[in-house]
PDB file of N, CA and C in Angstrom:
ATOM      1  N   MET A   1     157.876 133.672 116.986  1.00  0.00           N
ATOM      2  CA  MET A   1     157.803 132.533 117.861  1.00  0.00           C
ATOM      3  C   MET A   1     158.297 132.951 119.232  1.00  0.00           C
ATOM      4  N   LYS A   2     157.656 132.452 120.264  1.00  0.00           N
ATOM      5  CA  LYS A   2     158.023 132.796 121.633  1.00  0.00           C
ATOM      6  C   LYS A   2     157.974 131.528 122.487  1.00  0.00           C
ATOM      7  N   LEU A   3     159.089 131.223 123.158  1.00  0.00           N
ATOM      8  CA  LEU A   3     159.180 130.091 124.089  1.00  0.00           C
ATOM      9  C   LEU A   3     159.479 130.644 125.464  1.00  0.00           C
ATOM     10  N   GLY A   4     158.817 130.146 126.491  1.00  0.00           N
ATOM     11  CA  GLY A   4     159.171 130.577 127.831  1.00  0.00           C
ATOM     12  C   GLY A   4     158.000 130.570 128.791  1.00  0.00           C
ATOM     13  N   TRP A   5     158.161 131.353 129.854  1.00  0.00           N
ATOM     14  CA  TRP A   5     157.226 131.364 130.975  1.00  0.00           C
ATOM     15  C   TRP A   5     156.725 132.759 131.290  1.00  0.00           C
ATOM     16  N   ASN A   6     155.431 132.860 131.611  1.00  0.00           N
ATOM     17  CA  ASN A   6     154.892 134.029 132.280  1.00  0.00           C
ATOM     18  C   ASN A   6     154.902 133.658 133.756  1.00  0.00           C
ATOM     19  N   LEU A   7     155.769 134.294 134.533  1.00  0.00           N
ATOM     20  CA  LEU A   7     155.957 133.914 135.933  1.00  0.00           C
ATOM     21  C   LEU A   7     154.793 134.343 136.820  1.00  0.00           C
ATOM     22  N   GLU A   8     154.005 135.319 136.377  1.00  0.00           N
ATOM     23  CA  GLU A   8     152.853 135.766 137.163  1.00  0.00           C
ATOM     24  C   GLU A   8     151.671 134.813 137.040  1.00  0.00           C
ATOM     25  N   THR A   9     151.417 134.317 135.829  1.00  0.00           N
ATOM     26  CA  THR A   9     150.251 133.454 135.604  1.00  0.00           C
ATOM     27  C   THR A   9     150.599 131.964 135.565  1.00  0.00           C
ATOM     28  N   GLY A  10     151.890 131.650 135.387  1.00  0.00           N
ATOM     29  CA  GLY A  10     152.304 130.258 135.259  1.00  0.00           C
ATOM     30  C   GLY A  10     152.163 129.703 133.848  1.00  0.00           C
ATOM     31  N   LEU A  11     151.766 130.551 132.886  1.00  0.00           N
ATOM     32  CA  LEU A  11     151.626 130.110 131.500  1.00  0.00           C
ATOM     33  C   LEU A  11     152.991 129.745 130.928  1.00  0.00           C
ATOM     34  N   GLU A  12     153.083 128.531 130.374  1.00  0.00           N
ATOM     35  CA  GLU A  12     154.316 128.080 129.727  1.00  0.00           C
ATOM     36  C   GLU A  12     154.065 127.970 128.226  1.00  0.00           C
ATOM     37  N   ARG A  13     154.906 128.640 127.433  1.00  0.00           N
ATOM     38  CA  ARG A  13     154.816 128.552 125.971  1.00  0.00           C
ATOM     39  C   ARG A  13     155.851 127.540 125.496  1.00  0.00           C
ATOM     40  N   THR A  14     155.383 126.487 124.846  1.00  0.00           N
ATOM     41  CA  THR A  14     156.257 125.420 124.359  1.00  0.00           C
ATOM     42  C   THR A  14     155.971 125.172 122.882  1.00  0.00           C
ATOM     43  N   LEU A  15     156.791 124.342 122.289  1.00  0.00           N
ATOM     44  CA  LEU A  15     156.579 123.882 120.922  1.00  0.00           C
ATOM     45  C   LEU A  15     156.552 122.364 120.986  1.00  0.00           C
ATOM     46  N   SER A  16     155.490 121.747 120.485  1.00  0.00           N
ATOM     47  CA  SER A  16     155.389 120.287 120.553  1.00  0.00           C
ATOM     48  C   SER A  16     155.177 119.692 119.165  1.00  0.00           C
ATOM     49  N   SER A  17     155.621 118.447 119.018  1.00  0.00           N
ATOM     50  CA  SER A  17     155.466 117.743 117.742  1.00  0.00           C
ATOM     51  C   SER A  17     154.057 117.184 117.615  1.00  0.00           C
ATOM     52  N   TRP A  18     153.700 116.835 116.382  1.00  0.00           N
ATOM     53  CA  TRP A  18     152.483 116.076 116.142  1.00  0.00           C
ATOM     54  C   TRP A  18     152.724 114.627 116.562  1.00  0.00           C
ATOM     55  N   LYS A  19     151.649 113.921 116.862  1.00  0.00           N
ATOM     56  CA  LYS A  19     151.756 112.497 117.204  1.00  0.00           C
ATOM     57  C   LYS A  19     152.226 111.682 115.999  1.00  0.00           C
ATOM     58  N   SER A  20     151.721 111.997 114.812  1.00  0.00           N
ATOM     59  CA  SER A  20     152.162 111.366 113.562  1.00  0.00           C
ATOM     60  C   SER A  20     151.916 112.360 112.435  1.00  0.00           C
ATOM     61  N   VAL A  21     152.356 112.025 111.238  1.00  0.00           N
ATOM     62  CA  VAL A  21     152.153 112.941 110.111  1.00  0.00           C
ATOM     63  C   VAL A  21     150.675 113.140 109.787  1.00  0.00           C
ATOM     64  N   ASP A  22     149.826 112.206 110.216  1.00  0.00           N
ATOM     65  CA  ASP A  22     148.386 112.302 109.970  1.00  0.00           C
ATOM     66  C   ASP A  22     147.586 112.699 111.207  1.00  0.00           C
ATOM     67  N   ASP A  23     148.244 112.813 112.349  1.00  0.00           N
ATOM     68  CA  ASP A  23     147.546 113.091 113.609  1.00  0.00           C
ATOM     69  C   ASP A  23     148.171 114.304 114.295  1.00  0.00           C
ATOM     70  N   PRO A  24     147.491 115.455 114.245  1.00  0.00           N
ATOM     71  CA  PRO A  24     148.067 116.678 114.805  1.00  0.00           C
ATOM     72  C   PRO A  24     147.970 116.808 116.328  1.00  0.00           C
ATOM     73  N   THR A  25     147.482 115.773 117.019  1.00  0.00           N
ATOM     74  CA  THR A  25     147.476 115.865 118.479  1.00  0.00           C
ATOM     75  C   THR A  25     148.915 115.837 118.991  1.00  0.00           C
ATOM     76  N   GLU A  26     149.111 116.279 120.224  1.00  0.00           N
ATOM     77  CA  GLU A  26     150.465 116.427 120.771  1.00  0.00           C
ATOM     78  C   GLU A  26     151.240 115.116 120.762  1.00  0.00           C
ATOM     79  N   GLY A  27     152.457 115.186 120.234  1.00  0.00           N
ATOM     80  CA  GLY A  27     153.327 114.018 120.148  1.00  0.00           C
ATOM     81  C   GLY A  27     154.329 113.952 121.286  1.00  0.00           C
ATOM     82  N   GLU A  28     155.405 113.200 121.072  1.00  0.00           N
ATOM     83  CA  GLU A  28     156.399 112.949 122.116  1.00  0.00           C
ATOM     84  C   GLU A  28     157.382 114.092 122.326  1.00  0.00           C
ATOM     85  N   TYR A  29     157.720 114.833 121.270  1.00  0.00           N
ATOM     86  CA  TYR A  29     158.785 115.830 121.353  1.00  0.00           C
ATOM     87  C   TYR A  29     158.264 117.189 121.798  1.00  0.00           C
ATOM     88  N   ILE A  30     158.970 117.801 122.730  1.00  0.00           N
ATOM     89  CA  ILE A  30     158.618 119.133 123.229  1.00  0.00           C
ATOM     90  C   ILE A  30     159.893 119.949 123.372  1.00  0.00           C
ATOM     91  N   VAL A  31     159.836 121.196 122.914  1.00  0.00           N
ATOM     92  CA  VAL A  31     160.917 122.159 123.126  1.00  0.00           C
ATOM     93  C   VAL A  31     160.384 123.183 124.108  1.00  0.00           C
ATOM     94  N   LYS A  32     161.137 123.420 125.190  1.00  0.00           N
ATOM     95  CA  LYS A  32     160.668 124.384 126.176  1.00  0.00           C
ATOM     96  C   LYS A  32     161.824 125.037 126.909  1.00  0.00           C
ATOM     97  N   MET A  33     161.497 126.065 127.661  1.00  0.00           N
ATOM     98  CA  MET A  33     162.475 126.821 128.431  1.00  0.00           C
ATOM     99  C   MET A  33     162.601 126.192 129.815  1.00  0.00           C
ATOM    100  N   GLY A  34     163.815 125.789 130.161  1.00  0.00           N
ATOM    101  CA  GLY A  34     164.071 125.270 131.493  1.00  0.00           C
ATOM    102  C   GLY A  34     164.449 126.408 132.427  1.00  0.00           C
ATOM    103  N   LEU A  35     163.893 126.416 133.613  1.00  0.00           N
ATOM    104  CA  LEU A  35     164.135 127.506 134.559  1.00  0.00           C
ATOM    105  C   LEU A  35     165.128 127.151 135.657  1.00  0.00           C
ATOM    106  N   ARG A  36     165.583 125.932 135.690  1.00  0.00           N
ATOM    107  CA  ARG A  36     166.547 125.527 136.717  1.00  0.00           C
ATOM    108  C   ARG A  36     167.919 126.101 136.356  1.00  0.00           C
ATOM    109  N   GLY A  37     168.534 126.843 137.272  1.00  0.00           N
ATOM    110  CA  GLY A  37     169.791 127.513 136.961  1.00  0.00           C
ATOM    111  C   GLY A  37     169.527 128.667 136.014  1.00  0.00           C
ATOM    112  N   TYR A  38     170.478 128.953 135.122  1.00  0.00           N
ATOM    113  CA  TYR A  38     170.257 129.997 134.125  1.00  0.00           C
ATOM    114  C   TYR A  38     169.324 129.445 133.055  1.00  0.00           C
ATOM    115  N   PRO A  39     168.257 130.161 132.704  1.00  0.00           N
ATOM    116  CA  PRO A  39     167.285 129.634 131.744  1.00  0.00           C
ATOM    117  C   PRO A  39     167.928 129.221 130.421  1.00  0.00           C
ATOM    118  N   GLN A  40     167.476 128.085 129.901  1.00  0.00           N
ATOM    119  CA  GLN A  40     167.986 127.590 128.633  1.00  0.00           C
ATOM    120  C   GLN A  40     166.907 126.796 127.912  1.00  0.00           C
ATOM    121  N   ILE A  41     167.058 126.685 126.601  1.00  0.00           N
ATOM    122  CA  ILE A  41     166.103 125.937 125.794  1.00  0.00           C
ATOM    123  C   ILE A  41     166.493 124.463 125.813  1.00  0.00           C
ATOM    124  N   MET A  42     165.487 123.602 126.064  1.00  0.00           N
ATOM    125  CA  MET A  42     165.742 122.170 126.205  1.00  0.00           C
ATOM    126  C   MET A  42     164.765 121.372 125.345  1.00  0.00           C
ATOM    127  N   ASN A  43     165.242 120.239 124.838  1.00  0.00           N
ATOM    128  CA  ASN A  43     164.436 119.330 124.013  1.00  0.00           C
ATOM    129  C   ASN A  43     164.114 118.076 124.817  1.00  0.00           C
ATOM    130  N   PHE A  44     162.833 117.714 124.841  1.00  0.00           N
ATOM    131  CA  PHE A  44     162.383 116.530 125.562  1.00  0.00           C
ATOM    132  C   PHE A  44     161.722 115.551 124.607  1.00  0.00           C
ATOM    133  N   LYS A  45     161.890 114.265 124.899  1.00  0.00           N
ATOM    134  CA  LYS A  45     161.108 113.209 124.261  1.00  0.00           C
ATOM    135  C   LYS A  45     160.336 112.572 125.394  1.00  0.00           C
ATOM    136  N   GLY A  46     159.043 112.859 125.451  1.00  0.00           N
ATOM    137  CA  GLY A  46     158.251 112.462 126.604  1.00  0.00           C
ATOM    138  C   GLY A  46     158.794 113.185 127.827  1.00  0.00           C
ATOM    139  N   PRO A  47     158.947 112.478 128.943  1.00  0.00           N
ATOM    140  CA  PRO A  47     159.480 113.125 130.144  1.00  0.00           C
ATOM    141  C   PRO A  47     161.010 113.197 130.175  1.00  0.00           C
ATOM    142  N   ASN A  48     161.660 112.595 129.179  1.00  0.00           N
ATOM    143  CA  ASN A  48     163.122 112.489 129.184  1.00  0.00           C
ATOM    144  C   ASN A  48     163.789 113.643 128.447  1.00  0.00           C
ATOM    145  N   LEU A  49     164.768 114.258 129.103  1.00  0.00           N
ATOM    146  CA  LEU A  49     165.552 115.316 128.487  1.00  0.00           C
ATOM    147  C   LEU A  49     166.449 114.703 127.423  1.00  0.00           C
ATOM    148  N   GLU A  50     166.279 115.136 126.170  1.00  0.00           N
ATOM    149  CA  GLU A  50     167.092 114.642 125.057  1.00  0.00           C
ATOM    150  C   GLU A  50     168.350 115.484 124.887  1.00  0.00           C
ATOM    151  N   SER A  51     168.198 116.806 124.971  1.00  0.00           N
ATOM    152  CA  SER A  51     169.344 117.697 124.791  1.00  0.00           C
ATOM    153  C   SER A  51     169.024 119.089 125.310  1.00  0.00           C
ATOM    154  N   ARG A  52     170.086 119.799 125.611  1.00  0.00           N
ATOM    155  CA  ARG A  52     169.986 121.210 125.964  1.00  0.00           C
ATOM    156  C   ARG A  52     170.527 121.990 124.778  1.00  0.00           C
ATOM    157  N   VAL A  53     169.712 122.881 124.233  1.00  0.00           N
ATOM    158  CA  VAL A  53     170.158 123.683 123.099  1.00  0.00           C
ATOM    159  C   VAL A  53     171.165 124.702 123.588  1.00  0.00           C
ATOM    160  N   GLY A  54     170.935 125.261 124.754  1.00  0.00           N
ATOM    161  CA  GLY A  54     171.894 126.186 125.322  1.00  0.00           C
ATOM    162  C   GLY A  54     171.259 127.428 125.893  1.00  0.00           C
ATOM    163  N   SER A  55     172.109 128.246 126.476  1.00  0.00           N
ATOM    164  CA  SER A  55     171.696 129.505 127.084  1.00  0.00           C
ATOM    165  C   SER A  55     171.942 130.654 126.117  1.00  0.00           C
ATOM    166  N   TRP A  56     171.466 131.806 126.469  1.00  0.00           N
ATOM    167  CA  TRP A  56     171.623 133.030 125.685  1.00  0.00           C
ATOM    168  C   TRP A  56     173.021 133.585 125.900  1.00  0.00           C
ATOM    169  N   ASN A  57     173.722 133.961 124.817  1.00  0.00           N
ATOM    170  CA  ASN A  57     175.072 134.518 124.942  1.00  0.00           C
ATOM    171  C   ASN A  57     175.123 136.019 124.659  1.00  0.00           C
ATOM    172  N   GLY A  58     173.960 136.633 124.523  1.00  0.00           N
ATOM    173  CA  GLY A  58     173.894 138.054 124.224  1.00  0.00           C
ATOM    174  C   GLY A  58     173.538 138.340 122.778  1.00  0.00           C
ATOM    175  N   LEU A  59     173.771 137.358 121.899  1.00  0.00           N
ATOM    176  CA  LEU A  59     173.434 137.505 120.480  1.00  0.00           C
ATOM    177  C   LEU A  59     172.438 136.456 120.015  1.00  0.00           C
ATOM    178  N   SER A  60     172.610 135.246 120.515  1.00  0.00           N
ATOM    179  CA  SER A  60     171.737 134.145 120.126  1.00  0.00           C
ATOM    180  C   SER A  60     171.808 133.073 121.203  1.00  0.00           C
ATOM    181  N   VAL A  61     171.027 132.022 121.004  1.00  0.00           N
ATOM    182  CA  VAL A  61     171.081 130.880 121.911  1.00  0.00           C
ATOM    183  C   VAL A  61     172.257 130.012 121.484  1.00  0.00           C
ATOM    184  N   VAL A  62     173.165 129.725 122.408  1.00  0.00           N
ATOM    185  CA  VAL A  62     174.330 128.893 122.116  1.00  0.00           C
ATOM    186  C   VAL A  62     173.824 127.525 121.656  1.00  0.00           C
ATOM    187  N   GLY A  63     174.365 127.017 120.567  1.00  0.00           N
ATOM    188  CA  GLY A  63     173.935 125.723 120.044  1.00  0.00           C
ATOM    189  C   GLY A  63     172.815 125.826 119.037  1.00  0.00           C
ATOM    190  N   TYR A  64     172.176 126.969 118.967  1.00  0.00           N
ATOM    191  CA  TYR A  64     171.131 127.203 117.972  1.00  0.00           C
ATOM    192  C   TYR A  64     171.110 128.687 117.649  1.00  0.00           C
ATOM    193  N   PRO A  65     171.805 129.085 116.590  1.00  0.00           N
ATOM    194  CA  PRO A  65     171.874 130.509 116.276  1.00  0.00           C
ATOM    195  C   PRO A  65     170.552 131.097 115.819  1.00  0.00           C
ATOM    196  N   GLY A  66     169.580 130.255 115.543  1.00  0.00           N
ATOM    197  CA  GLY A  66     168.278 130.753 115.116  1.00  0.00           C
ATOM    198  C   GLY A  66     168.259 131.022 113.629  1.00  0.00           C
ATOM    199  N   PRO A  67     167.087 131.234 113.112  1.00  0.00           N
ATOM    200  CA  PRO A  67     166.965 131.509 111.688  1.00  0.00           C
ATOM    201  C   PRO A  67     167.735 132.766 111.307  1.00  0.00           C
ATOM    202  N   VAL A  68     168.558 132.663 110.292  1.00  0.00           N
ATOM    203  CA  VAL A  68     169.399 133.775 109.862  1.00  0.00           C
ATOM    204  C   VAL A  68     168.551 134.966 109.431  1.00  0.00           C
ATOM    205  N   LEU A  69     167.433 134.699 108.786  1.00  0.00           N
ATOM    206  CA  LEU A  69     166.604 135.776 108.263  1.00  0.00           C
ATOM    207  C   LEU A  69     165.598 136.304 109.275  1.00  0.00           C
ATOM    208  N   ALA A  70     165.543 135.722 110.436  1.00  0.00           N
ATOM    209  CA  ALA A  70     164.599 136.165 111.458  1.00  0.00           C
ATOM    210  C   ALA A  70     165.321 137.089 112.421  1.00  0.00           C
ATOM    211  N   THR A  71     164.945 138.326 112.425  1.00  0.00           N
ATOM    212  CA  THR A  71     165.561 139.277 113.342  1.00  0.00           C
ATOM    213  C   THR A  71     164.481 140.174 113.893  1.00  0.00           C
ATOM    214  N   PRO A  72     164.593 140.705 115.031  1.00  0.00           N
ATOM    215  CA  PRO A  72     165.661 140.428 115.984  1.00  0.00           C
ATOM    216  C   PRO A  72     165.332 139.220 116.851  1.00  0.00           C
ATOM    217  N   GLN A  73     166.373 138.640 117.432  1.00  0.00           N
ATOM    218  CA  GLN A  73     166.203 137.605 118.445  1.00  0.00           C
ATOM    219  C   GLN A  73     166.229 138.301 119.798  1.00  0.00           C
ATOM    220  N   LYS A  74     165.499 137.762 120.744  1.00  0.00           N
ATOM    221  CA  LYS A  74     165.403 138.409 122.051  1.00  0.00           C
ATOM    222  C   LYS A  74     165.321 137.342 123.134  1.00  0.00           C
ATOM    223  N   PHE A  75     166.009 137.590 124.214  1.00  0.00           N
ATOM    224  CA  PHE A  75     165.945 136.723 125.388  1.00  0.00           C
ATOM    225  C   PHE A  75     165.662 137.642 126.564  1.00  0.00           C
ATOM    226  N   GLU A  76     164.537 137.457 127.212  1.00  0.00           N
ATOM    227  CA  GLU A  76     164.100 138.371 128.273  1.00  0.00           C
ATOM    228  C   GLU A  76     164.005 137.629 129.600  1.00  0.00           C
ATOM    229  N   ILE A  77     164.599 138.211 130.621  1.00  0.00           N
ATOM    230  CA  ILE A  77     164.477 137.687 131.985  1.00  0.00           C
ATOM    231  C   ILE A  77     164.120 138.866 132.872  1.00  0.00           C
ATOM    232  N   ASN A  78     162.935 138.829 133.471  1.00  0.00           N
ATOM    233  CA  ASN A  78     162.540 139.852 134.438  1.00  0.00           C
ATOM    234  C   ASN A  78     161.599 139.222 135.456  1.00  0.00           C
ATOM    235  N   GLU A  79     161.028 140.025 136.328  1.00  0.00           N
ATOM    236  CA  GLU A  79     160.181 139.477 137.390  1.00  0.00           C
ATOM    237  C   GLU A  79     158.853 138.922 136.868  1.00  0.00           C
ATOM    238  N   LYS A  80     158.470 139.282 135.641  1.00  0.00           N
ATOM    239  CA  LYS A  80     157.202 138.824 135.083  1.00  0.00           C
ATOM    240  C   LYS A  80     157.342 137.671 134.094  1.00  0.00           C
ATOM    241  N   GLU A  81     158.421 137.682 133.304  1.00  0.00           N
ATOM    242  CA  GLU A  81     158.566 136.697 132.234  1.00  0.00           C
ATOM    243  C   GLU A  81     160.005 136.245 132.053  1.00  0.00           C
ATOM    244  N   VAL A  82     160.143 135.021 131.545  1.00  0.00           N
ATOM    245  CA  VAL A  82     161.416 134.493 131.061  1.00  0.00           C
ATOM    246  C   VAL A  82     161.083 133.884 129.704  1.00  0.00           C
ATOM    247  N   TYR A  83     161.660 134.440 128.623  1.00  0.00           N
ATOM    248  CA  TYR A  83     161.317 133.916 127.308  1.00  0.00           C
ATOM    249  C   TYR A  83     162.393 134.211 126.273  1.00  0.00           C
ATOM    250  N   TYR A  84     162.334 133.425 125.193  1.00  0.00           N
ATOM    251  CA  TYR A  84     163.153 133.618 123.999  1.00  0.00           C
ATOM    252  C   TYR A  84     162.179 133.795 122.849  1.00  0.00           C
ATOM    253  N   GLU A  85     162.462 134.755 121.968  1.00  0.00           N
ATOM    254  CA  GLU A  85     161.613 134.916 120.799  1.00  0.00           C
ATOM    255  C   GLU A  85     162.405 135.449 119.623  1.00  0.00           C
ATOM    256  N   PHE A  86     161.886 135.194 118.438  1.00  0.00           N
ATOM    257  CA  PHE A  86     162.407 135.854 117.250  1.00  0.00           C
ATOM    258  C   PHE A  86     161.227 136.297 116.408  1.00  0.00           C
ATOM    259  N   GLU A  87     161.478 137.303 115.599  1.00  0.00           N
ATOM    260  CA  GLU A  87     160.437 137.888 114.772  1.00  0.00           C
ATOM    261  C   GLU A  87     160.962 138.026 113.348  1.00  0.00           C
ATOM    262  N   VAL A  88     160.144 137.692 112.384  1.00  0.00           N
ATOM    263  CA  VAL A  88     160.518 137.851 110.983  1.00  0.00           C
ATOM    264  C   VAL A  88     160.075 139.239 110.543  1.00  0.00           C
ATOM    265  N   LEU A  89     161.034 140.066 110.142  1.00  0.00           N
ATOM    266  CA  LEU A  89     160.722 141.439 109.752  1.00  0.00           C
ATOM    267  C   LEU A  89     160.432 141.578 108.263  1.00  0.00           C
ATOM    268  N   ALA A  90     161.065 140.761 107.438  1.00  0.00           N
ATOM    269  CA  ALA A  90     160.873 140.854 105.988  1.00  0.00           C
ATOM    270  C   ALA A  90     159.577 140.156 105.593  1.00  0.00           C
ATOM    271  N   ARG A  91     158.698 140.871 104.932  1.00  0.00           N
ATOM    272  CA  ARG A  91     157.417 140.282 104.516  1.00  0.00           C
ATOM    273  C   ARG A  91     157.590 139.225 103.432  1.00  0.00           C
ATOM    274  N   SER A  92     158.748 139.198 102.793  1.00  0.00           N
ATOM    275  CA  SER A  92     158.991 138.231 101.720  1.00  0.00           C
ATOM    276  C   SER A  92     159.566 136.915 102.237  1.00  0.00           C
ATOM    277  N   VAL A  93     159.755 136.802 103.548  1.00  0.00           N
ATOM    278  CA  VAL A  93     160.340 135.600 104.143  1.00  0.00           C
ATOM    279  C   VAL A  93     159.293 134.888 104.986  1.00  0.00           C
ATOM    280  N   PHE A  94     159.182 133.577 104.783  1.00  0.00           N
ATOM    281  CA  PHE A  94     158.295 132.748 105.587  1.00  0.00           C
ATOM    282  C   PHE A  94     159.133 131.664 106.245  1.00  0.00           C
ATOM    283  N   ILE A  95     158.909 131.437 107.529  1.00  0.00           N
ATOM    284  CA  ILE A  95     159.659 130.421 108.267  1.00  0.00           C
ATOM    285  C   ILE A  95     158.673 129.463 108.921  1.00  0.00           C
ATOM    286  N   ILE A  96     158.939 128.182 108.766  1.00  0.00           N
ATOM    287  CA  ILE A  96     158.184 127.159 109.478  1.00  0.00           C
ATOM    288  C   ILE A  96     159.176 126.444 110.380  1.00  0.00           C
ATOM    289  N   LEU A  97     158.948 126.502 111.667  1.00  0.00           N
ATOM    290  CA  LEU A  97     159.744 125.749 112.636  1.00  0.00           C
ATOM    291  C   LEU A  97     158.861 124.600 113.078  1.00  0.00           C
ATOM    292  N   ALA A  98     159.229 123.388 112.687  1.00  0.00           N
ATOM    293  CA  ALA A  98     158.362 122.237 112.910  1.00  0.00           C
ATOM    294  C   ALA A  98     159.067 121.159 113.712  1.00  0.00           C
ATOM    295  N   LEU A  99     158.320 120.558 114.621  1.00  0.00           N
ATOM    296  CA  LEU A  99     158.765 119.347 115.303  1.00  0.00           C
ATOM    297  C   LEU A  99     157.961 118.216 114.697  1.00  0.00           C
ATOM    298  N   VAL A 100     158.620 117.363 113.962  1.00  0.00           N
ATOM    299  CA  VAL A 100     157.931 116.248 113.324  1.00  0.00           C
ATOM    300  C   VAL A 100     158.091 115.007 114.202  1.00  0.00           C
ATOM    301  N   PRO A 101     157.224 114.016 114.038  1.00  0.00           N
ATOM    302  CA  PRO A 101     157.237 112.862 114.933  1.00  0.00           C
ATOM    303  C   PRO A 101     158.550 112.081 114.983  1.00  0.00           C
ATOM    304  N   THR A 102     159.379 112.175 113.942  1.00  0.00           N
ATOM    305  CA  THR A 102     160.594 111.363 113.903  1.00  0.00           C
ATOM    306  C   THR A 102     161.878 112.139 114.173  1.00  0.00           C
ATOM    307  N   VAL A 103     161.802 113.457 114.249  1.00  0.00           N
ATOM    308  CA  VAL A 103     163.001 114.277 114.467  1.00  0.00           C
ATOM    309  C   VAL A 103     162.683 115.349 115.498  1.00  0.00           C
ATOM    310  N   ILE A 104     163.716 115.865 116.145  1.00  0.00           N
ATOM    311  CA  ILE A 104     163.485 116.918 117.138  1.00  0.00           C
ATOM    312  C   ILE A 104     162.999 118.206 116.491  1.00  0.00           C
ATOM    313  N   GLY A 105     163.622 118.663 115.418  1.00  0.00           N
ATOM    314  CA  GLY A 105     163.174 119.923 114.827  1.00  0.00           C
ATOM    315  C   GLY A 105     163.663 120.136 113.412  1.00  0.00           C
ATOM    316  N   GLN A 106     162.920 120.930 112.684  1.00  0.00           N
ATOM    317  CA  GLN A 106     163.281 121.313 111.327  1.00  0.00           C
ATOM    318  C   GLN A 106     162.977 122.793 111.163  1.00  0.00           C
ATOM    319  N   ASN A 107     163.863 123.513 110.485  1.00  0.00           N
ATOM    320  CA  ASN A 107     163.597 124.889 110.083  1.00  0.00           C
ATOM    321  C   ASN A 107     163.424 124.895 108.581  1.00  0.00           C
ATOM    322  N   LEU A 108     162.318 125.412 108.115  1.00  0.00           N
ATOM    323  CA  LEU A 108     162.059 125.515 106.685  1.00  0.00           C
ATOM    324  C   LEU A 108     161.927 126.990 106.332  1.00  0.00           C
ATOM    325  N   PHE A 109     162.678 127.445 105.327  1.00  0.00           N
ATOM    326  CA  PHE A 109     162.666 128.846 104.919  1.00  0.00           C
ATOM    327  C   PHE A 109     162.164 128.954 103.494  1.00  0.00           C
ATOM    328  N   TRP A 110     161.362 129.961 103.245  1.00  0.00           N
ATOM    329  CA  TRP A 110     160.925 130.263 101.898  1.00  0.00           C
ATOM    330  C   TRP A 110     161.009 131.763 101.704  1.00  0.00           C
ATOM    331  N   THR A 111     161.697 132.193 100.664  1.00  0.00           N
ATOM    332  CA  THR A 111     161.781 133.620 100.367  1.00  0.00           C
ATOM    333  C   THR A 111     161.167 133.876  99.005  1.00  0.00           C
ATOM    334  N   ALA A 112     160.433 134.962  98.925  1.00  0.00           N
ATOM    335  CA  ALA A 112     159.765 135.312  97.667  1.00  0.00           C
ATOM    336  C   ALA A 112     160.657 136.195  96.824  1.00  0.00           C
TER     337      ALA A 112
END
């Protein structure tokens, strides 16, 4: 998963909820990277900021340590991109990070 900005093209990678459990069109909740000040992950409901998850502390995002089984986590800031990402290395682990219409986020883990 990768959240953030390509500063050269203006592409923004976000995570958005479904409108309802039966309607996969974009819903109210959005998780995205805020660029004002030091970049941080923020949760929005419509245009309103609901919460700031936090900034990168060198190991993880403060306020959201990320999936324990997903490594490595990375936070990149350079002249081309600003982004946070994690990668699942174990083929026996599946992660679903979902924004459902009634909650900001859920992490679901399945290990074989």
